[in-house]
Amino acid sequence: MNNNLIQSQMRLIMCFLRPYEETDVKRIAEEDLQALECVIESLFVFTLIWSIGCTGDYDGRVKFDSYLKDKIKEISPSVNFPSEGTIYEYEFNIQTKSFIKWSDRNTGF
């Protein structure tokens, strides 16, 4: 796999993990780490979609959508990805611990 794609995915996942980085003045509570543990696979799936999965053309995205949904069911049943629509229609909301449609987020427009 291309190193740039891997680095892109790592940068995306680090955006989600940055709040859990301890410093000399900031400690992370055990319950916060446990909450992160519950969503880490979903965060990985989201970053996979928007780093590697977004690089294809329309036909490639259709194939990747089907492939990834099948793999999620097979490998990680704890990731509750919606079956309707494509993987590209969803974002992961860390507060609700669920995938939500991008369009549901912006209903006020």
PDB file of N, CA and C in Angstrom:
ATOM      1  N   MET A   1       0.843  -1.181   0.000  1.00  0.00           N
ATOM      2  CA  MET A   1       0.000   0.000   0.000  1.00  0.00           C
ATOM      3  C   MET A   1       0.884   1.238   0.000  1.00  0.00           C
ATOM      4  N   ASN A   2       0.416   2.268  -0.628  1.00  0.00           N
ATOM      5  CA  ASN A   2       1.142   3.509  -0.752  1.00  0.00           C
ATOM      6  C   ASN A   2       1.362   4.151   0.627  1.00  0.00           C
ATOM      7  N   ASN A   3       2.609   4.543   0.900  1.00  0.00           N
ATOM      8  CA  ASN A   3       2.934   5.165   2.195  1.00  0.00           C
ATOM      9  C   ASN A   3       2.163   6.453   2.427  1.00  0.00           C
ATOM     10  N   ASN A   4       1.908   7.220   1.363  1.00  0.00           N
ATOM     11  CA  ASN A   4       1.150   8.466   1.519  1.00  0.00           C
ATOM     12  C   ASN A   4      -0.265   8.196   2.002  1.00  0.00           C
ATOM     13  N   LEU A   5      -0.874   7.116   1.523  1.00  0.00           N
ATOM     14  CA  LEU A   5      -2.230   6.773   1.975  1.00  0.00           C
ATOM     15  C   LEU A   5      -2.229   6.373   3.442  1.00  0.00           C
ATOM     16  N   ILE A   6      -1.234   5.610   3.845  1.00  0.00           N
ATOM     17  CA  ILE A   6      -1.126   5.203   5.246  1.00  0.00           C
ATOM     18  C   ILE A   6      -0.903   6.423   6.132  1.00  0.00           C
ATOM     19  N   GLN A   7      -0.020   7.320   5.690  1.00  0.00           N
ATOM     20  CA  GLN A   7       0.232   8.532   6.468  1.00  0.00           C
ATOM     21  C   GLN A   7      -1.015   9.403   6.560  1.00  0.00           C
ATOM     22  N   SER A   8      -1.770   9.445   5.477  1.00  0.00           N
ATOM     23  CA  SER A   8      -3.017  10.207   5.480  1.00  0.00           C
ATOM     24  C   SER A   8      -3.991   9.641   6.505  1.00  0.00           C
ATOM     25  N   GLN A   9      -4.115   8.327   6.541  1.00  0.00           N
ATOM     26  CA  GLN A   9      -5.015   7.708   7.509  1.00  0.00           C
ATOM     27  C   GLN A   9      -4.518   7.956   8.933  1.00  0.00           C
ATOM     28  N   MET A  10      -3.232   7.867   9.147  1.00  0.00           N
ATOM     29  CA  MET A  10      -2.683   8.105  10.484  1.00  0.00           C
ATOM     30  C   MET A  10      -2.938   9.540  10.939  1.00  0.00           C
ATOM     31  N   ARG A  11      -2.805  10.498  10.035  1.00  0.00           N
ATOM     32  CA  ARG A  11      -3.081  11.893  10.403  1.00  0.00           C
ATOM     33  C   ARG A  11      -4.550  12.071  10.779  1.00  0.00           C
ATOM     34  N   LEU A  12      -5.439  11.433  10.028  1.00  0.00           N
ATOM     35  CA  LEU A  12      -6.863  11.538  10.346  1.00  0.00           C
ATOM     36  C   LEU A  12      -7.189  10.940  11.710  1.00  0.00           C
ATOM     37  N   ILE A  13      -6.665   9.768  11.976  1.00  0.00           N
ATOM     38  CA  ILE A  13      -6.980   9.127  13.255  1.00  0.00           C
ATOM     39  C   ILE A  13      -6.350   9.895  14.414  1.00  0.00           C
ATOM     40  N   MET A  14      -5.210  10.519  14.178  1.00  0.00           N
ATOM     41  CA  MET A  14      -4.577  11.319  15.239  1.00  0.00           C
ATOM     42  C   MET A  14      -5.432  12.533  15.604  1.00  0.00           C
ATOM     43  N   CYS A  15      -6.211  13.050  14.666  1.00  0.00           N
ATOM     44  CA  CYS A  15      -7.126  14.151  14.979  1.00  0.00           C
ATOM     45  C   CYS A  15      -8.124  13.728  16.048  1.00  0.00           C
ATOM     46  N   PHE A  16      -8.577  12.486  15.971  1.00  0.00           N
ATOM     47  CA  PHE A  16      -9.520  11.977  16.971  1.00  0.00           C
ATOM     48  C   PHE A  16      -8.823  11.619  18.281  1.00  0.00           C
ATOM     49  N   LEU A  17      -7.578  11.223  18.198  1.00  0.00           N
ATOM     50  CA  LEU A  17      -6.868  10.767  19.397  1.00  0.00           C
ATOM     51  C   LEU A  17      -6.190  11.896  20.166  1.00  0.00           C
ATOM     52  N   ARG A  18      -6.001  13.041  19.538  1.00  0.00           N
ATOM     53  CA  ARG A  18      -5.302  14.162  20.186  1.00  0.00           C
ATOM     54  C   ARG A  18      -5.888  14.522  21.554  1.00  0.00           C
ATOM     55  N   PRO A  19      -7.198  14.544  21.749  1.00  0.00           N
ATOM     56  CA  PRO A  19      -7.737  14.881  23.081  1.00  0.00           C
ATOM     57  C   PRO A  19      -7.345  13.868  24.168  1.00  0.00           C
ATOM     58  N   TYR A  20      -6.865  12.701  23.775  1.00  0.00           N
ATOM     59  CA  TYR A  20      -6.497  11.662  24.746  1.00  0.00           C
ATOM     60  C   TYR A  20      -4.989  11.622  25.009  1.00  0.00           C
ATOM     61  N   GLU A  21      -4.291  12.607  24.521  1.00  0.00           N
ATOM     62  CA  GLU A  21      -2.844  12.671  24.707  1.00  0.00           C
ATOM     63  C   GLU A  21      -2.523  13.311  26.055  1.00  0.00           C
ATOM     64  N   GLU A  22      -1.815  12.566  26.875  1.00  0.00           N
ATOM     65  CA  GLU A  22      -1.442  13.092  28.190  1.00  0.00           C
ATOM     66  C   GLU A  22      -0.214  13.994  28.073  1.00  0.00           C
ATOM     67  N   THR A  23      -0.177  14.979  28.954  1.00  0.00           N
ATOM     68  CA  THR A  23       0.966  15.876  29.051  1.00  0.00           C
ATOM     69  C   THR A  23       1.370  15.969  30.522  1.00  0.00           C
ATOM     70  N   ASP A  24       2.336  16.807  30.803  1.00  0.00           N
ATOM     71  CA  ASP A  24       2.754  16.997  32.198  1.00  0.00           C
ATOM     72  C   ASP A  24       1.637  17.595  33.052  1.00  0.00           C
ATOM     73  N   VAL A  25       0.756  18.358  32.440  1.00  0.00           N
ATOM     74  CA  VAL A  25      -0.313  19.015  33.190  1.00  0.00           C
ATOM     75  C   VAL A  25      -1.698  18.417  32.924  1.00  0.00           C
ATOM     76  N   LYS A  26      -1.790  17.508  32.006  1.00  0.00           N
ATOM     77  CA  LYS A  26      -3.095  16.940  31.660  1.00  0.00           C
ATOM     78  C   LYS A  26      -3.043  15.422  31.750  1.00  0.00           C
ATOM     79  N   ARG A  27      -3.902  14.888  32.579  1.00  0.00           N
ATOM     80  CA  ARG A  27      -4.038  13.436  32.730  1.00  0.00           C
ATOM     81  C   ARG A  27      -5.377  13.008  32.158  1.00  0.00           C
ATOM     82  N   ILE A  28      -5.406  11.850  31.572  1.00  0.00           N
ATOM     83  CA  ILE A  28      -6.627  11.312  30.981  1.00  0.00           C
ATOM     84  C   ILE A  28      -7.251  10.336  31.968  1.00  0.00           C
ATOM     85  N   ALA A  29      -8.522  10.547  32.245  1.00  0.00           N
ATOM     86  CA  ALA A  29      -9.241   9.691  33.186  1.00  0.00           C
ATOM     87  C   ALA A  29      -9.433   8.300  32.595  1.00  0.00           C
ATOM     88  N   GLU A  30      -9.433   7.319  33.458  1.00  0.00           N
ATOM     89  CA  GLU A  30      -9.602   5.926  33.036  1.00  0.00           C
ATOM     90  C   GLU A  30     -10.916   5.722  32.281  1.00  0.00           C
ATOM     91  N   GLU A  31     -11.985   6.375  32.737  1.00  0.00           N
ATOM     92  CA  GLU A  31     -13.271   6.218  32.050  1.00  0.00           C
ATOM     93  C   GLU A  31     -13.253   6.821  30.638  1.00  0.00           C
ATOM     94  N   ASP A  32     -12.451   7.867  30.439  1.00  0.00           N
ATOM     95  CA  ASP A  32     -12.304   8.437  29.093  1.00  0.00           C
ATOM     96  C   ASP A  32     -11.566   7.463  28.171  1.00  0.00           C
ATOM     97  N   LEU A  33     -10.566   6.802  28.704  1.00  0.00           N
ATOM     98  CA  LEU A  33      -9.838   5.804  27.910  1.00  0.00           C
ATOM     99  C   LEU A  33     -10.727   4.604  27.583  1.00  0.00           C
ATOM    100  N   GLN A  34     -11.565   4.214  28.526  1.00  0.00           N
ATOM    101  CA  GLN A  34     -12.490   3.106  28.267  1.00  0.00           C
ATOM    102  C   GLN A  34     -13.516   3.494  27.213  1.00  0.00           C
ATOM    103  N   ALA A  35     -13.969   4.745  27.240  1.00  0.00           N
ATOM    104  CA  ALA A  35     -14.912   5.223  26.225  1.00  0.00           C
ATOM    105  C   ALA A  35     -14.252   5.220  24.846  1.00  0.00           C
ATOM    106  N   LEU A  36     -12.990   5.610  24.793  1.00  0.00           N
ATOM    107  CA  LEU A  36     -12.241   5.581  23.531  1.00  0.00           C
ATOM    108  C   LEU A  36     -12.098   4.152  23.025  1.00  0.00           C
ATOM    109  N   GLU A  37     -11.837   3.248  23.931  1.00  0.00           N
ATOM    110  CA  GLU A  37     -11.681   1.837  23.564  1.00  0.00           C
ATOM    111  C   GLU A  37     -12.951   1.307  22.887  1.00  0.00           C
ATOM    112  N   CYS A  38     -14.096   1.805  23.293  1.00  0.00           N
ATOM    113  CA  CYS A  38     -15.377   1.361  22.720  1.00  0.00           C
ATOM    114  C   CYS A  38     -15.585   1.847  21.286  1.00  0.00           C
ATOM    115  N   VAL A  39     -14.902   2.914  20.894  1.00  0.00           N
ATOM    116  CA  VAL A  39     -15.139   3.494  19.568  1.00  0.00           C
ATOM    117  C   VAL A  39     -13.939   3.427  18.636  1.00  0.00           C
ATOM    118  N   ILE A  40     -12.838   2.869  19.082  1.00  0.00           N
ATOM    119  CA  ILE A  40     -11.607   2.922  18.288  1.00  0.00           C
ATOM    120  C   ILE A  40     -11.757   2.215  16.941  1.00  0.00           C
ATOM    121  N   GLU A  41     -12.485   1.110  16.892  1.00  0.00           N
ATOM    122  CA  GLU A  41     -12.669   0.421  15.612  1.00  0.00           C
ATOM    123  C   GLU A  41     -13.511   1.261  14.655  1.00  0.00           C
ATOM    124  N   SER A  42     -14.522   1.910  15.163  1.00  0.00           N
ATOM    125  CA  SER A  42     -15.351   2.778  14.320  1.00  0.00           C
ATOM    126  C   SER A  42     -14.544   3.961  13.802  1.00  0.00           C
ATOM    127  N   LEU A  43     -13.683   4.520  14.647  1.00  0.00           N
ATOM    128  CA  LEU A  43     -12.812   5.607  14.203  1.00  0.00           C
ATOM    129  C   LEU A  43     -11.868   5.125  13.100  1.00  0.00           C
ATOM    130  N   PHE A  44     -11.354   3.922  13.260  1.00  0.00           N
ATOM    131  CA  PHE A  44     -10.481   3.359  12.234  1.00  0.00           C
ATOM    132  C   PHE A  44     -11.231   3.226  10.907  1.00  0.00           C
ATOM    133  N   VAL A  45     -12.455   2.710  10.952  1.00  0.00           N
ATOM    134  CA  VAL A  45     -13.260   2.555   9.732  1.00  0.00           C
ATOM    135  C   VAL A  45     -13.500   3.919   9.086  1.00  0.00           C
ATOM    136  N   PHE A  46     -13.867   4.909   9.873  1.00  0.00           N
ATOM    137  CA  PHE A  46     -14.123   6.247   9.335  1.00  0.00           C
ATOM    138  C   PHE A  46     -12.873   6.811   8.662  1.00  0.00           C
ATOM    139  N   THR A  47     -11.729   6.684   9.307  1.00  0.00           N
ATOM    140  CA  THR A  47     -10.505   7.217   8.714  1.00  0.00           C
ATOM    141  C   THR A  47     -10.078   6.402   7.492  1.00  0.00           C
ATOM    142  N   LEU A  48     -10.364   5.122   7.478  1.00  0.00           N
ATOM    143  CA  LEU A  48     -10.076   4.293   6.304  1.00  0.00           C
ATOM    144  C   LEU A  48     -10.893   4.779   5.104  1.00  0.00           C
ATOM    145  N   ILE A  49     -12.157   5.083   5.335  1.00  0.00           N
ATOM    146  CA  ILE A  49     -13.023   5.573   4.261  1.00  0.00           C
ATOM    147  C   ILE A  49     -12.474   6.867   3.679  1.00  0.00           C
ATOM    148  N   TRP A  50     -12.081   7.801   4.550  1.00  0.00           N
ATOM    149  CA  TRP A  50     -11.709   9.134   4.076  1.00  0.00           C
ATOM    150  C   TRP A  50     -10.219   9.321   3.842  1.00  0.00           C
ATOM    151  N   SER A  51      -9.455   8.250   3.874  1.00  0.00           N
ATOM    152  CA  SER A  51      -8.051   8.330   3.469  1.00  0.00           C
ATOM    153  C   SER A  51      -7.831   7.437   2.251  1.00  0.00           C
ATOM    154  N   ILE A  52      -8.094   6.178   2.399  1.00  0.00           N
ATOM    155  CA  ILE A  52      -7.862   5.228   1.316  1.00  0.00           C
ATOM    156  C   ILE A  52      -9.085   5.118   0.412  1.00  0.00           C
ATOM    157  N   GLY A  53     -10.264   5.048   1.001  1.00  0.00           N
ATOM    158  CA  GLY A  53     -11.484   4.839   0.231  1.00  0.00           C
ATOM    159  C   GLY A  53     -11.898   5.998  -0.646  1.00  0.00           C
ATOM    160  N   CYS A  54     -11.373   7.168  -0.394  1.00  0.00           N
ATOM    161  CA  CYS A  54     -11.783   8.332  -1.184  1.00  0.00           C
ATOM    162  C   CYS A  54     -10.895   8.548  -2.405  1.00  0.00           C
ATOM    163  N   THR A  55      -9.916   7.700  -2.613  1.00  0.00           N
ATOM    164  CA  THR A  55      -8.967   7.929  -3.701  1.00  0.00           C
ATOM    165  C   THR A  55      -9.421   7.387  -5.049  1.00  0.00           C
ATOM    166  N   GLY A  56     -10.468   6.583  -5.059  1.00  0.00           N
ATOM    167  CA  GLY A  56     -10.914   5.979  -6.308  1.00  0.00           C
ATOM    168  C   GLY A  56     -11.906   6.841  -7.070  1.00  0.00           C
ATOM    169  N   ASP A  57     -12.173   6.413  -8.296  1.00  0.00           N
ATOM    170  CA  ASP A  57     -13.213   7.060  -9.086  1.00  0.00           C
ATOM    171  C   ASP A  57     -14.573   6.491  -8.667  1.00  0.00           C
ATOM    172  N   TYR A  58     -15.630   6.867  -9.369  1.00  0.00           N
ATOM    173  CA  TYR A  58     -16.971   6.441  -8.977  1.00  0.00           C
ATOM    174  C   TYR A  58     -17.080   4.914  -8.910  1.00  0.00           C
ATOM    175  N   ASP A  59     -16.627   4.224  -9.953  1.00  0.00           N
ATOM    176  CA  ASP A  59     -16.708   2.761  -9.968  1.00  0.00           C
ATOM    177  C   ASP A  59     -15.900   2.139  -8.829  1.00  0.00           C
ATOM    178  N   GLY A  60     -14.741   2.700  -8.574  1.00  0.00           N
ATOM    179  CA  GLY A  60     -13.918   2.204  -7.473  1.00  0.00           C
ATOM    180  C   GLY A  60     -14.574   2.413  -6.118  1.00  0.00           C
ATOM    181  N   ARG A  61     -15.248   3.534  -5.959  1.00  0.00           N
ATOM    182  CA  ARG A  61     -15.944   3.802  -4.695  1.00  0.00           C
ATOM    183  C   ARG A  61     -17.112   2.852  -4.485  1.00  0.00           C
ATOM    184  N   VAL A  62     -17.812   2.526  -5.559  1.00  0.00           N
ATOM    185  CA  VAL A  62     -18.915   1.569  -5.454  1.00  0.00           C
ATOM    186  C   VAL A  62     -18.374   0.213  -4.997  1.00  0.00           C
ATOM    187  N   LYS A  63     -17.263  -0.215  -5.580  1.00  0.00           N
ATOM    188  CA  LYS A  63     -16.653  -1.496  -5.203  1.00  0.00           C
ATOM    189  C   LYS A  63     -16.128  -1.456  -3.774  1.00  0.00           C
ATOM    190  N   PHE A  64     -15.483  -0.344  -3.405  1.00  0.00           N
ATOM    191  CA  PHE A  64     -14.935  -0.220  -2.052  1.00  0.00           C
ATOM    192  C   PHE A  64     -16.059  -0.206  -1.020  1.00  0.00           C
ATOM    193  N   ASP A  65     -17.156   0.461  -1.334  1.00  0.00           N
ATOM    194  CA  ASP A  65     -18.314   0.498  -0.452  1.00  0.00           C
ATOM    195  C   ASP A  65     -18.795  -0.918  -0.149  1.00  0.00           C
ATOM    196  N   SER A  66     -18.987  -1.691  -1.174  1.00  0.00           N
ATOM    197  CA  SER A  66     -19.472  -3.070  -1.011  1.00  0.00           C
ATOM    198  C   SER A  66     -18.463  -3.918  -0.242  1.00  0.00           C
ATOM    199  N   TYR A  67     -17.201  -3.807  -0.624  1.00  0.00           N
ATOM    200  CA  TYR A  67     -16.134  -4.583   0.019  1.00  0.00           C
ATOM    201  C   TYR A  67     -16.042  -4.250   1.509  1.00  0.00           C
ATOM    202  N   LEU A  68     -16.017  -2.963   1.827  1.00  0.00           N
ATOM    203  CA  LEU A  68     -15.829  -2.563   3.221  1.00  0.00           C
ATOM    204  C   LEU A  68     -17.020  -2.957   4.089  1.00  0.00           C
ATOM    205  N   LYS A  69     -18.229  -2.798   3.592  1.00  0.00           N
ATOM    206  CA  LYS A  69     -19.398  -3.216   4.364  1.00  0.00           C
ATOM    207  C   LYS A  69     -19.347  -4.717   4.661  1.00  0.00           C
ATOM    208  N   ASP A  70     -18.962  -5.513   3.672  1.00  0.00           N
ATOM    209  CA  ASP A  70     -18.831  -6.957   3.883  1.00  0.00           C
ATOM    210  C   ASP A  70     -17.754  -7.267   4.916  1.00  0.00           C
ATOM    211  N   LYS A  71     -16.614  -6.592   4.813  1.00  0.00           N
ATOM    212  CA  LYS A  71     -15.505  -6.833   5.751  1.00  0.00           C
ATOM    213  C   LYS A  71     -15.857  -6.415   7.167  1.00  0.00           C
ATOM    214  N   ILE A  72     -16.587  -5.320   7.307  1.00  0.00           N
ATOM    215  CA  ILE A  72     -16.991  -4.867   8.648  1.00  0.00           C
ATOM    216  C   ILE A  72     -17.844  -5.940   9.310  1.00  0.00           C
ATOM    217  N   LYS A  73     -18.806  -6.480   8.571  1.00  0.00           N
ATOM    218  CA  LYS A  73     -19.672  -7.527   9.121  1.00  0.00           C
ATOM    219  C   LYS A  73     -18.872  -8.772   9.484  1.00  0.00           C
ATOM    220  N   GLU A  74     -17.907  -9.104   8.655  1.00  0.00           N
ATOM    221  CA  GLU A  74     -17.111 -10.315   8.854  1.00  0.00           C
ATOM    222  C   GLU A  74     -16.101 -10.179   9.995  1.00  0.00           C
ATOM    223  N   ILE A  75     -15.387  -9.087  10.012  1.00  0.00           N
ATOM    224  CA  ILE A  75     -14.256  -8.936  10.932  1.00  0.00           C
ATOM    225  C   ILE A  75     -14.620  -8.214  12.221  1.00  0.00           C
ATOM    226  N   SER A  76     -15.476  -7.218  12.124  1.00  0.00           N
ATOM    227  CA  SER A  76     -15.738  -6.372  13.279  1.00  0.00           C
ATOM    228  C   SER A  76     -17.223  -6.104  13.458  1.00  0.00           C
ATOM    229  N   PRO A  77     -17.957  -7.097  13.923  1.00  0.00           N
ATOM    230  CA  PRO A  77     -19.409  -6.900  14.091  1.00  0.00           C
ATOM    231  C   PRO A  77     -19.760  -5.845  15.137  1.00  0.00           C
ATOM    232  N   SER A  78     -18.807  -5.433  15.961  1.00  0.00           N
ATOM    233  CA  SER A  78     -19.098  -4.394  16.954  1.00  0.00           C
ATOM    234  C   SER A  78     -19.224  -3.014  16.320  1.00  0.00           C
ATOM    235  N   VAL A  79     -18.716  -2.856  15.088  1.00  0.00           N
ATOM    236  CA  VAL A  79     -18.868  -1.593  14.374  1.00  0.00           C
ATOM    237  C   VAL A  79     -20.260  -1.604  13.753  1.00  0.00           C
ATOM    238  N   ASN A  80     -21.100  -0.728  14.235  1.00  0.00           N
ATOM    239  CA  ASN A  80     -22.496  -0.695  13.805  1.00  0.00           C
ATOM    240  C   ASN A  80     -22.656   0.294  12.654  1.00  0.00           C
ATOM    241  N   PHE A  81     -22.271  -0.156  11.450  1.00  0.00           N
ATOM    242  CA  PHE A  81     -22.362   0.713  10.285  1.00  0.00           C
ATOM    243  C   PHE A  81     -23.730   0.534   9.635  1.00  0.00           C
ATOM    244  N   PRO A  82     -24.429   1.636   9.333  1.00  0.00           N
ATOM    245  CA  PRO A  82     -25.759   1.521   8.715  1.00  0.00           C
ATOM    246  C   PRO A  82     -25.703   0.784   7.379  1.00  0.00           C
ATOM    247  N   SER A  83     -26.734   0.038   7.083  1.00  0.00           N
ATOM    248  CA  SER A  83     -26.756  -0.723   5.832  1.00  0.00           C
ATOM    249  C   SER A  83     -27.278   0.109   4.665  1.00  0.00           C
ATOM    250  N   GLU A  84     -28.091   1.117   4.936  1.00  0.00           N
ATOM    251  CA  GLU A  84     -28.613   1.924   3.843  1.00  0.00           C
ATOM    252  C   GLU A  84     -27.594   2.974   3.401  1.00  0.00           C
ATOM    253  N   GLY A  85     -27.661   3.318   2.124  1.00  0.00           N
ATOM    254  CA  GLY A  85     -26.733   4.309   1.578  1.00  0.00           C
ATOM    255  C   GLY A  85     -25.334   3.745   1.414  1.00  0.00           C
ATOM    256  N   THR A  86     -24.418   4.625   1.068  1.00  0.00           N
ATOM    257  CA  THR A  86     -23.021   4.213   0.908  1.00  0.00           C
ATOM    258  C   THR A  86     -22.209   4.657   2.116  1.00  0.00           C
ATOM    259  N   ILE A  87     -21.027   4.116   2.231  1.00  0.00           N
ATOM    260  CA  ILE A  87     -20.136   4.480   3.332  1.00  0.00           C
ATOM    261  C   ILE A  87     -19.757   5.952   3.283  1.00  0.00           C
ATOM    262  N   TYR A  88     -19.852   6.546   2.097  1.00  0.00           N
ATOM    263  CA  TYR A  88     -19.457   7.943   1.922  1.00  0.00           C
ATOM    264  C   TYR A  88     -20.517   8.929   2.406  1.00  0.00           C
ATOM    265  N   GLU A  89     -21.668   8.431   2.790  1.00  0.00           N
ATOM    266  CA  GLU A  89     -22.758   9.291   3.258  1.00  0.00           C
ATOM    267  C   GLU A  89     -22.735   9.496   4.768  1.00  0.00           C
ATOM    268  N   TYR A  90     -21.746   8.924   5.458  1.00  0.00           N
ATOM    269  CA  TYR A  90     -21.754   8.923   6.921  1.00  0.00           C
ATOM    270  C   TYR A  90     -20.473   9.489   7.522  1.00  0.00           C
ATOM    271  N   GLU A  91     -20.649  10.065   8.679  1.00  0.00           N
ATOM    272  CA  GLU A  91     -19.525  10.470   9.522  1.00  0.00           C
ATOM    273  C   GLU A  91     -19.669   9.728  10.843  1.00  0.00           C
ATOM    274  N   PHE A  92     -18.574   9.606  11.564  1.00  0.00           N
ATOM    275  CA  PHE A  92     -18.654   8.985  12.881  1.00  0.00           C
ATOM    276  C   PHE A  92     -18.730  10.074  13.930  1.00  0.00           C
ATOM    277  N   ASN A  93     -19.754   9.996  14.770  1.00  0.00           N
ATOM    278  CA  ASN A  93     -19.942  10.957  15.850  1.00  0.00           C
ATOM    279  C   ASN A  93     -19.443  10.310  17.136  1.00  0.00           C
ATOM    280  N   ILE A  94     -18.354  10.824  17.655  1.00  0.00           N
ATOM    281  CA  ILE A  94     -17.725  10.211  18.828  1.00  0.00           C
ATOM    282  C   ILE A  94     -18.582  10.386  20.083  1.00  0.00           C
ATOM    283  N   GLN A  95     -19.388  11.463  20.154  1.00  0.00           N
ATOM    284  CA  GLN A  95     -20.237  11.673  21.330  1.00  0.00           C
ATOM    285  C   GLN A  95     -21.365  10.643  21.394  1.00  0.00           C
ATOM    286  N   THR A  96     -22.008  10.388  20.256  1.00  0.00           N
ATOM    287  CA  THR A  96     -23.108   9.432  20.239  1.00  0.00           C
ATOM    288  C   THR A  96     -22.635   8.010  19.948  1.00  0.00           C
ATOM    289  N   LYS A  97     -21.355   7.883  19.613  1.00  0.00           N
ATOM    290  CA  LYS A  97     -20.751   6.579  19.304  1.00  0.00           C
ATOM    291  C   LYS A  97     -21.478   5.874  18.158  1.00  0.00           C
ATOM    292  N   SER A  98     -21.823   6.662  17.149  1.00  0.00           N
ATOM    293  CA  SER A  98     -22.563   6.081  16.022  1.00  0.00           C
ATOM    294  C   SER A  98     -22.229   6.806  14.725  1.00  0.00           C
ATOM    295  N   PHE A  99     -22.506   6.119  13.633  1.00  0.00           N
ATOM    296  CA  PHE A  99     -22.378   6.725  12.320  1.00  0.00           C
ATOM    297  C   PHE A  99     -23.682   7.446  12.016  1.00  0.00           C
ATOM    298  N   ILE A 100     -23.560   8.702  11.594  1.00  0.00           N
ATOM    299  CA  ILE A 100     -24.740   9.478  11.234  1.00  0.00           C
ATOM    300  C   ILE A 100     -24.545  10.033   9.831  1.00  0.00           C
ATOM    301  N   LYS A 101     -25.650  10.251   9.151  1.00  0.00           N
ATOM    302  CA  LYS A 101     -25.568  10.812   7.800  1.00  0.00           C
ATOM    303  C   LYS A 101     -25.066  12.246   7.876  1.00  0.00           C
ATOM    304  N   TRP A 102     -24.188  12.586   6.957  1.00  0.00           N
ATOM    305  CA  TRP A 102     -23.710  13.963   6.876  1.00  0.00           C
ATOM    306  C   TRP A 102     -24.909  14.903   6.719  1.00  0.00           C
ATOM    307  N   SER A 103     -25.890  14.507   5.916  1.00  0.00           N
ATOM    308  CA  SER A 103     -27.045  15.373   5.649  1.00  0.00           C
ATOM    309  C   SER A 103     -27.906  15.584   6.905  1.00  0.00           C
ATOM    310  N   ASP A 104     -27.907  14.653   7.851  1.00  0.00           N
ATOM    311  CA  ASP A 104     -28.676  14.822   9.088  1.00  0.00           C
ATOM    312  C   ASP A 104     -28.055  15.868   9.995  1.00  0.00           C
ATOM    313  N   ARG A 105     -26.790  16.084   9.839  1.00  0.00           N
ATOM    314  CA  ARG A 105     -26.082  17.059  10.669  1.00  0.00           C
ATOM    315  C   ARG A 105     -26.465  18.485  10.285  1.00  0.00           C
ATOM    316  N   ASN A 106     -26.775  18.695   9.041  1.00  0.00           N
ATOM    317  CA  ASN A 106     -27.037  20.048   8.537  1.00  0.00           C
ATOM    318  C   ASN A 106     -28.486  20.215   8.105  1.00  0.00           C
ATOM    319  N   THR A 107     -29.408  19.949   8.991  1.00  0.00           N
ATOM    320  CA  THR A 107     -30.822  20.018   8.646  1.00  0.00           C
ATOM    321  C   THR A 107     -31.371  21.442   8.662  1.00  0.00           C
ATOM    322  N   GLY A 108     -30.648  22.392   9.209  1.00  0.00           N
ATOM    323  CA  GLY A 108     -31.143  23.767   9.328  1.00  0.00           C
ATOM    324  C   GLY A 108     -30.967  24.608   8.087  1.00  0.00           C
ATOM    325  N   PHE A 109     -30.412  24.050   7.032  1.00  0.00           N
ATOM    326  CA  PHE A 109     -30.163  24.850   5.814  1.00  0.00           C
ATOM    327  C   PHE A 109     -31.282  24.754   4.840  1.00  0.00           C
TER     328      PHE A 109
END
